């Protein structure tokens, strides 16, 4: 039985990681100040975890929580391109200063390995598809820049200190628990919420922008594989499905799932948004033994089921 520390453990992806770790019989600590996470995501496991409601921007406060930890999974972040455009200072303080604090605390506590939630946003508008880890980064937003800098910190800590840190470039993660009430939630959360509320979903742009939408269970699988894969340290690794779908195709899928014929509204493109996103997952297969198990439309069905239950529970 190993001891894992999940930063951002009450968030969308973090809470799924906590569930899977407990299912595997591991011990779990969580650091989350609930700035974007939600207590209800961990309500069912509060008696099985240790939760520190501290802020990763306070290094001395979080240091003790790393003592005795085997693995750190660093998910804590402000995960929003639009928010980073509107407020780059706060995003920088959490996503970059906070990440450096987590790396320092983990290194000093002699943690075996840290896995960092990086982002495919680092590729920006690089025109070459699919995205390969060797492609030149071209970040278009403060969020993308901060996540890229976090990757570089991971690599520097590995090269300078021999501290094993593995950045995973997540591609458009979606699924249950993605907060529909947040103004910065993901596009699929917004679309599904609109369907369930009888509203018209809005697409910013022409709808032909594409994404490698990755079900959260796939991301959890890759992240936990990265904790122990012997050859992973020193590499940046894509985590996606290896397929891409446009937002217009997504509306067609949702129309099938809901049995409706919805026509979306179209608005102007948003600043900082990437036009195309498509992961080459060759390296993840080679280094992690990763294989995505849930494809896009199947993941959408699972996600819609959760949102139906979520909104029904609110009356």
Foldseek 3Di string as FASTA:
>chain_A
DAEEEEEVLQADLNLVLVVVCVVVVYAYEYEALPPPGDPVSCPVCPVRHHYDNDALLDLVVCLVVLARHAEYEYDDADPFQVVCQVPVVVRCSRLASSLVSVLVSNVVNVHQEYEYAAAPLQQFAPPDPPDDQPDHGDHFGSNNVSSVVSVVVQLCCCVPVVHFYFYEHEWAEDAPRQDLPDPRTDLLSQCLVCVVVVHAREAAPDQQQKTLYAYSVLVSLLRVLLSDQPPRGNDYAYRGQQDMDTRVVVLVLVCVLSVHDGDHHYHHHDGRDGRYHGHDHPVSCVRRVGHRDDDDSRRSNNRSVNVVVVVVVVD
